[in-house]
PDB file of N, CA and C in Angstrom:
ATOM      1  N   UNK A   1       0.807  -1.235  -0.017  1.00  0.00           N
ATOM      2  CA  UNK A   1       0.134  -0.038  -0.005  1.00  0.00           C
ATOM      3  C   UNK A   1       0.865   1.337   0.055  1.00  0.00           C
ATOM      4  N   UNK A   2       0.563   2.224  -0.941  1.00  0.00           N
ATOM      5  CA  UNK A   2       1.399   3.423  -0.961  1.00  0.00           C
ATOM      6  C   UNK A   2       0.820   4.449   0.112  1.00  0.00           C
ATOM      7  N   UNK A   3       1.797   5.235   0.580  1.00  0.00           N
ATOM      8  CA  UNK A   3       1.481   6.218   1.521  1.00  0.00           C
ATOM      9  C   UNK A   3       0.612   7.301   0.879  1.00  0.00           C
ATOM     10  N   UNK A   4      -0.401   7.807   1.690  1.00  0.00           N
ATOM     11  CA  UNK A   4      -1.304   8.914   1.105  1.00  0.00           C
ATOM     12  C   UNK A   4      -0.524  10.053   1.038  1.00  0.00           C
ATOM     13  N   UNK A   5      -0.801  10.669  -0.112  1.00  0.00           N
ATOM     14  CA  UNK A   5      -0.055  12.071  -0.437  1.00  0.00           C
ATOM     15  C   UNK A   5      -1.246  13.048  -0.051  1.00  0.00           C
ATOM     16  N   UNK A   6      -0.716  14.100   0.594  1.00  0.00           N
ATOM     17  CA  UNK A   6      -1.630  15.185   0.940  1.00  0.00           C
ATOM     18  C   UNK A   6      -0.979  16.501   0.485  1.00  0.00           C
ATOM     19  N   UNK A   7      -1.668  17.188  -0.306  1.00  0.00           N
ATOM     20  CA  UNK A   7      -1.117  18.584  -0.747  1.00  0.00           C
ATOM     21  C   UNK A   7      -1.753  19.665   0.211  1.00  0.00           C
ATOM     22  N   UNK A   8      -1.037  19.999   1.213  1.00  0.00           N
ATOM     23  CA  UNK A   8      -1.521  20.759   2.389  1.00  0.00           C
ATOM     24  C   UNK A   8      -1.794  22.256   1.969  1.00  0.00           C
ATOM     25  N   UNK A   9      -1.060  22.692   1.021  1.00  0.00           N
ATOM     26  CA  UNK A   9      -1.278  24.023   0.533  1.00  0.00           C
ATOM     27  C   UNK A   9      -2.435  24.156  -0.337  1.00  0.00           C
ATOM     28  N   UNK A  10      -2.806  23.213  -1.164  1.00  0.00           N
ATOM     29  CA  UNK A  10      -3.908  23.164  -1.992  1.00  0.00           C
ATOM     30  C   UNK A  10      -5.167  22.948  -1.074  1.00  0.00           C
ATOM     31  N   UNK A  11      -5.195  22.108   0.018  1.00  0.00           N
ATOM     32  CA  UNK A  11      -6.138  21.824   0.845  1.00  0.00           C
ATOM     33  C   UNK A  11      -6.564  23.050   1.676  1.00  0.00           C
ATOM     34  N   UNK A  12      -5.382  23.802   2.143  1.00  0.00           N
ATOM     35  CA  UNK A  12      -5.665  25.089   2.873  1.00  0.00           C
ATOM     36  C   UNK A  12      -6.329  26.173   1.966  1.00  0.00           C
ATOM     37  N   UNK A  13      -5.893  26.205   0.783  1.00  0.00           N
ATOM     38  CA  UNK A  13      -6.531  27.215  -0.071  1.00  0.00           C
ATOM     39  C   UNK A  13      -7.924  26.910  -0.437  1.00  0.00           C
ATOM     40  N   UNK A  14      -8.256  25.594  -0.684  1.00  0.00           N
ATOM     41  CA  UNK A  14      -9.708  25.171  -0.937  1.00  0.00           C
ATOM     42  C   UNK A  14     -10.539  25.677   0.313  1.00  0.00           C
ATOM     43  N   UNK A  15     -10.046  25.322   1.545  1.00  0.00           N
ATOM     44  CA  UNK A  15     -10.863  25.579   2.779  1.00  0.00           C
ATOM     45  C   UNK A  15     -10.988  27.156   2.913  1.00  0.00           C
ATOM     46  N   UNK A  16      -9.931  27.907   2.661  1.00  0.00           N
ATOM     47  CA  UNK A  16      -9.955  29.383   2.752  1.00  0.00           C
ATOM     48  C   UNK A  16     -10.831  29.923   1.764  1.00  0.00           C
ATOM     49  N   UNK A  17     -10.897  29.507   0.559  1.00  0.00           N
ATOM     50  CA  UNK A  17     -11.699  30.042  -0.463  1.00  0.00           C
ATOM     51  C   UNK A  17     -13.292  29.682  -0.176  1.00  0.00           C
ATOM     52  N   UNK A  18     -13.450  28.454   0.323  1.00  0.00           N
ATOM     53  CA  UNK A  18     -14.736  28.093   0.630  1.00  0.00           C
ATOM     54  C   UNK A  18     -15.294  28.972   1.764  1.00  0.00           C
ATOM     55  N   UNK A  19     -14.476  29.236   2.779  1.00  0.00           N
ATOM     56  CA  UNK A  19     -14.946  30.085   3.872  1.00  0.00           C
ATOM     57  C   UNK A  19     -15.056  31.427   3.412  1.00  0.00           C
ATOM     58  N   UNK A  20     -14.212  31.977   2.575  1.00  0.00           N
ATOM     59  CA  UNK A  20     -14.582  33.350   1.972  1.00  0.00           C
ATOM     60  C   UNK A  20     -15.862  33.535   1.292  1.00  0.00           C
ATOM     61  N   UNK A  21     -16.099  32.481   0.500  1.00  0.00           N
ATOM     62  CA  UNK A  21     -17.392  32.441  -0.277  1.00  0.00           C
ATOM     63  C   UNK A  21     -18.566  32.498   0.721  1.00  0.00           C
ATOM     64  N   UNK A  22     -18.486  31.543   1.689  1.00  0.00           N
ATOM     65  CA  UNK A  22     -19.630  31.517   2.649  1.00  0.00           C
ATOM     66  C   UNK A  22     -19.844  32.726   3.436  1.00  0.00           C
ATOM     67  N   UNK A  23     -18.677  33.537   3.792  1.00  0.00           N
ATOM     68  CA  UNK A  23     -18.730  34.650   4.668  1.00  0.00           C
ATOM     69  C   UNK A  23     -18.599  35.870   4.009  1.00  0.00           C
ATOM     70  N   UNK A  24     -18.781  36.013   2.664  1.00  0.00           N
ATOM     71  CA  UNK A  24     -18.506  37.256   1.915  1.00  0.00           C
ATOM     72  C   UNK A  24     -19.447  38.336   2.422  1.00  0.00           C
ATOM     73  N   UNK A  25     -20.752  38.110   2.794  1.00  0.00           N
ATOM     74  CA  UNK A  25     -21.667  39.126   3.138  1.00  0.00           C
ATOM     75  C   UNK A  25     -21.824  39.135   4.649  1.00  0.00           C
ATOM     76  N   UNK A  26     -21.096  38.400   5.359  1.00  0.00           N
ATOM     77  CA  UNK A  26     -21.392  38.193   6.932  1.00  0.00           C
ATOM     78  C   UNK A  26     -20.807  39.528   7.625  1.00  0.00           C
ATOM     79  N   UNK A  27     -21.610  39.650   8.707  1.00  0.00           N
ATOM     80  CA  UNK A  27     -21.139  40.821   9.587  1.00  0.00           C
ATOM     81  C   UNK A  27     -20.053  40.035  10.565  1.00  0.00           C
ATOM     82  N   UNK A  28     -19.193  40.998  11.184  1.00  0.00           N
ATOM     83  CA  UNK A  28     -18.158  40.447  12.017  1.00  0.00           C
ATOM     84  C   UNK A  28     -18.677  39.449  13.166  1.00  0.00           C
ATOM     85  N   UNK A  29     -19.888  39.795  13.599  1.00  0.00           N
ATOM     86  CA  UNK A  29     -20.433  38.865  14.611  1.00  0.00           C
ATOM     87  C   UNK A  29     -20.893  37.519  14.067  1.00  0.00           C
ATOM     88  N   UNK A  30     -21.409  37.552  12.736  1.00  0.00           N
ATOM     89  CA  UNK A  30     -21.719  36.242  12.077  1.00  0.00           C
ATOM     90  C   UNK A  30     -20.453  35.460  11.672  1.00  0.00           C
ATOM     91  N   UNK A  31     -19.398  36.166  11.464  1.00  0.00           N
ATOM     92  CA  UNK A  31     -18.079  35.466  11.115  1.00  0.00           C
ATOM     93  C   UNK A  31     -17.536  34.750  12.407  1.00  0.00           C
ATOM     94  N   UNK A  32     -17.608  35.549  13.489  1.00  0.00           N
ATOM     95  CA  UNK A  32     -17.134  34.887  14.762  1.00  0.00           C
ATOM     96  C   UNK A  32     -18.051  33.680  15.104  1.00  0.00           C
ATOM     97  N   UNK A  33     -19.242  33.766  14.889  1.00  0.00           N
ATOM     98  CA  UNK A  33     -20.244  32.711  15.237  1.00  0.00           C
ATOM     99  C   UNK A  33     -19.884  31.517  14.327  1.00  0.00           C
ATOM    100  N   UNK A  34     -19.621  31.769  13.005  1.00  0.00           N
ATOM    101  CA  UNK A  34     -19.380  30.700  12.067  1.00  0.00           C
ATOM    102  C   UNK A  34     -18.150  29.917  12.562  1.00  0.00           C
ATOM    103  N   UNK A  35     -17.110  30.559  12.938  1.00  0.00           N
ATOM    104  CA  UNK A  35     -15.796  29.792  13.382  1.00  0.00           C
ATOM    105  C   UNK A  35     -16.145  29.143  14.697  1.00  0.00           C
ATOM    106  N   UNK A  36     -16.835  29.706  15.673  1.00  0.00           N
ATOM    107  CA  UNK A  36     -17.153  29.062  17.012  1.00  0.00           C
ATOM    108  C   UNK A  36     -17.985  27.920  16.850  1.00  0.00           C
ATOM    109  N   UNK A  37     -18.923  27.908  15.849  1.00  0.00           N
ATOM    110  CA  UNK A  37     -19.810  26.718  15.627  1.00  0.00           C
ATOM    111  C   UNK A  37     -18.919  25.684  15.019  1.00  0.00           C
ATOM    112  N   UNK A  38     -18.024  25.970  14.078  1.00  0.00           N
ATOM    113  CA  UNK A  38     -17.262  24.982  13.489  1.00  0.00           C
ATOM    114  C   UNK A  38     -16.221  24.330  14.486  1.00  0.00           C
ATOM    115  N   UNK A  39     -15.768  25.179  15.384  1.00  0.00           N
ATOM    116  CA  UNK A  39     -14.892  24.718  16.484  1.00  0.00           C
ATOM    117  C   UNK A  39     -15.693  23.801  17.412  1.00  0.00           C
ATOM    118  N   UNK A  40     -16.944  24.120  17.750  1.00  0.00           N
ATOM    119  CA  UNK A  40     -17.682  23.301  18.657  1.00  0.00           C
ATOM    120  C   UNK A  40     -17.867  21.890  18.009  1.00  0.00           C
ATOM    121  N   UNK A  41     -18.316  21.851  16.708  1.00  0.00           N
ATOM    122  CA  UNK A  41     -18.506  20.599  15.984  1.00  0.00           C
ATOM    123  C   UNK A  41     -17.230  19.781  15.922  1.00  0.00           C
ATOM    124  N   UNK A  42     -16.087  20.498  15.629  1.00  0.00           N
ATOM    125  CA  UNK A  42     -14.832  19.689  15.628  1.00  0.00           C
ATOM    126  C   UNK A  42     -14.492  19.054  16.949  1.00  0.00           C
ATOM    127  N   UNK A  43     -14.688  19.968  17.987  1.00  0.00           N
ATOM    128  CA  UNK A  43     -14.229  19.401  19.295  1.00  0.00           C
ATOM    129  C   UNK A  43     -15.273  18.253  19.777  1.00  0.00           C
ATOM    130  N   UNK A  44     -16.541  18.376  19.423  1.00  0.00           N
ATOM    131  CA  UNK A  44     -17.396  17.329  19.764  1.00  0.00           C
ATOM    132  C   UNK A  44     -17.014  15.926  19.037  1.00  0.00           C
ATOM    133  N   UNK A  45     -16.552  16.086  17.768  1.00  0.00           N
ATOM    134  CA  UNK A  45     -16.106  14.957  16.929  1.00  0.00           C
ATOM    135  C   UNK A  45     -14.925  14.334  17.618  1.00  0.00           C
ATOM    136  N   UNK A  46     -13.905  15.245  18.086  1.00  0.00           N
ATOM    137  CA  UNK A  46     -12.739  14.708  18.794  1.00  0.00           C
ATOM    138  C   UNK A  46     -13.092  14.009  20.041  1.00  0.00           C
ATOM    139  N   UNK A  47     -13.961  14.593  20.744  1.00  0.00           N
ATOM    140  CA  UNK A  47     -14.425  13.990  22.068  1.00  0.00           C
ATOM    141  C   UNK A  47     -14.920  12.664  21.941  1.00  0.00           C
ATOM    142  N   UNK A  48     -15.799  12.395  20.855  1.00  0.00           N
ATOM    143  CA  UNK A  48     -16.264  11.105  20.597  1.00  0.00           C
ATOM    144  C   UNK A  48     -15.307  10.098  20.060  1.00  0.00           C
ATOM    145  N   UNK A  49     -14.270  10.678  19.276  1.00  0.00           N
ATOM    146  CA  UNK A  49     -13.185   9.784  18.673  1.00  0.00           C
ATOM    147  C   UNK A  49     -12.124   9.382  19.826  1.00  0.00           C
ATOM    148  N   UNK A  50     -11.929  10.298  20.626  1.00  0.00           N
ATOM    149  CA  UNK A  50     -10.846  10.137  21.514  1.00  0.00           C
ATOM    150  C   UNK A  50     -11.385  10.473  22.969  1.00  0.00           C
ATOM    151  N   UNK A  51     -12.192   9.647  23.721  1.00  0.00           N
ATOM    152  CA  UNK A  51     -12.815   9.893  24.767  1.00  0.00           C
ATOM    153  C   UNK A  51     -12.007  10.221  26.026  1.00  0.00           C
ATOM    154  N   UNK A  52     -10.753   9.750  25.933  1.00  0.00           N
ATOM    155  CA  UNK A  52      -9.777  10.093  27.081  1.00  0.00           C
ATOM    156  C   UNK A  52      -9.295  11.528  27.025  1.00  0.00           C
ATOM    157  N   UNK A  53      -9.401  12.194  25.961  1.00  0.00           N
ATOM    158  CA  UNK A  53      -8.955  13.664  25.890  1.00  0.00           C
ATOM    159  C   UNK A  53      -9.841  14.406  26.726  1.00  0.00           C
ATOM    160  N   UNK A  54      -9.349  15.426  27.410  1.00  0.00           N
ATOM    161  CA  UNK A  54     -10.016  16.517  28.063  1.00  0.00           C
ATOM    162  C   UNK A  54     -10.462  17.546  27.311  1.00  0.00           C
ATOM    163  N   UNK A  55     -11.681  17.304  26.636  1.00  0.00           N
ATOM    164  CA  UNK A  55     -12.177  18.323  25.652  1.00  0.00           C
ATOM    165  C   UNK A  55     -13.642  18.623  26.006  1.00  0.00           C
ATOM    166  N   UNK A  56     -14.003  19.834  26.158  1.00  0.00           N
ATOM    167  CA  UNK A  56     -15.400  20.222  26.334  1.00  0.00           C
ATOM    168  C   UNK A  56     -15.865  20.775  24.994  1.00  0.00           C
ATOM    169  N   UNK A  57     -16.774  20.084  24.230  1.00  0.00           N
ATOM    170  CA  UNK A  57     -17.355  20.593  23.070  1.00  0.00           C
ATOM    171  C   UNK A  57     -18.208  21.846  23.126  1.00  0.00           C
ATOM    172  N   UNK A  58     -18.620  22.122  24.383  1.00  0.00           N
ATOM    173  CA  UNK A  58     -19.547  23.335  24.513  1.00  0.00           C
ATOM    174  C   UNK A  58     -18.601  24.627  24.517  1.00  0.00           C
ATOM    175  N   UNK A  59     -17.473  24.409  25.330  1.00  0.00           N
ATOM    176  CA  UNK A  59     -16.474  25.521  25.451  1.00  0.00           C
ATOM    177  C   UNK A  59     -15.053  24.987  25.099  1.00  0.00           C
ATOM    178  N   UNK A  60     -14.789  24.967  23.648  1.00  0.00           N
ATOM    179  CA  UNK A  60     -13.568  24.523  23.370  1.00  0.00           C
ATOM    180  C   UNK A  60     -12.401  25.405  23.720  1.00  0.00           C
ATOM    181  N   UNK A  61     -11.318  24.737  24.140  1.00  0.00           N
ATOM    182  CA  UNK A  61     -10.264  25.418  24.605  1.00  0.00           C
ATOM    183  C   UNK A  61     -10.272  25.722  26.135  1.00  0.00           C
ATOM    184  N   UNK A  62     -11.298  25.570  26.931  1.00  0.00           N
ATOM    185  CA  UNK A  62     -11.331  25.648  28.185  1.00  0.00           C
ATOM    186  C   UNK A  62     -11.279  24.249  28.851  1.00  0.00           C
ATOM    187  N   UNK A  63     -10.415  24.230  29.791  1.00  0.00           N
ATOM    188  CA  UNK A  63     -10.217  22.826  30.499  1.00  0.00           C
ATOM    189  C   UNK A  63     -11.317  22.871  31.589  1.00  0.00           C
ATOM    190  N   UNK A  64     -11.777  21.559  31.942  1.00  0.00           N
ATOM    191  CA  UNK A  64     -12.597  21.405  33.031  1.00  0.00           C
ATOM    192  C   UNK A  64     -12.047  20.384  33.877  1.00  0.00           C
ATOM    193  N   UNK A  65     -12.536  20.267  35.063  1.00  0.00           N
ATOM    194  CA  UNK A  65     -12.206  19.226  36.016  1.00  0.00           C
ATOM    195  C   UNK A  65     -11.104  19.595  36.978  1.00  0.00           C
TER     196      UNK A  65
END
């Protein structure tokens, strides 16, 4: 099996361009909420995949316990 090749620059540009298109008419508050919601979903996914990690999907970045 060959190793997977990832073009990180191209991937980053695709993500950036998609976000720019989604947020082109958004207010600063809407932009902040967009990224917060994406972070919440990402952290919730991480918490399910790696249950031993100390991740709070409601308040990403804040430690609890």
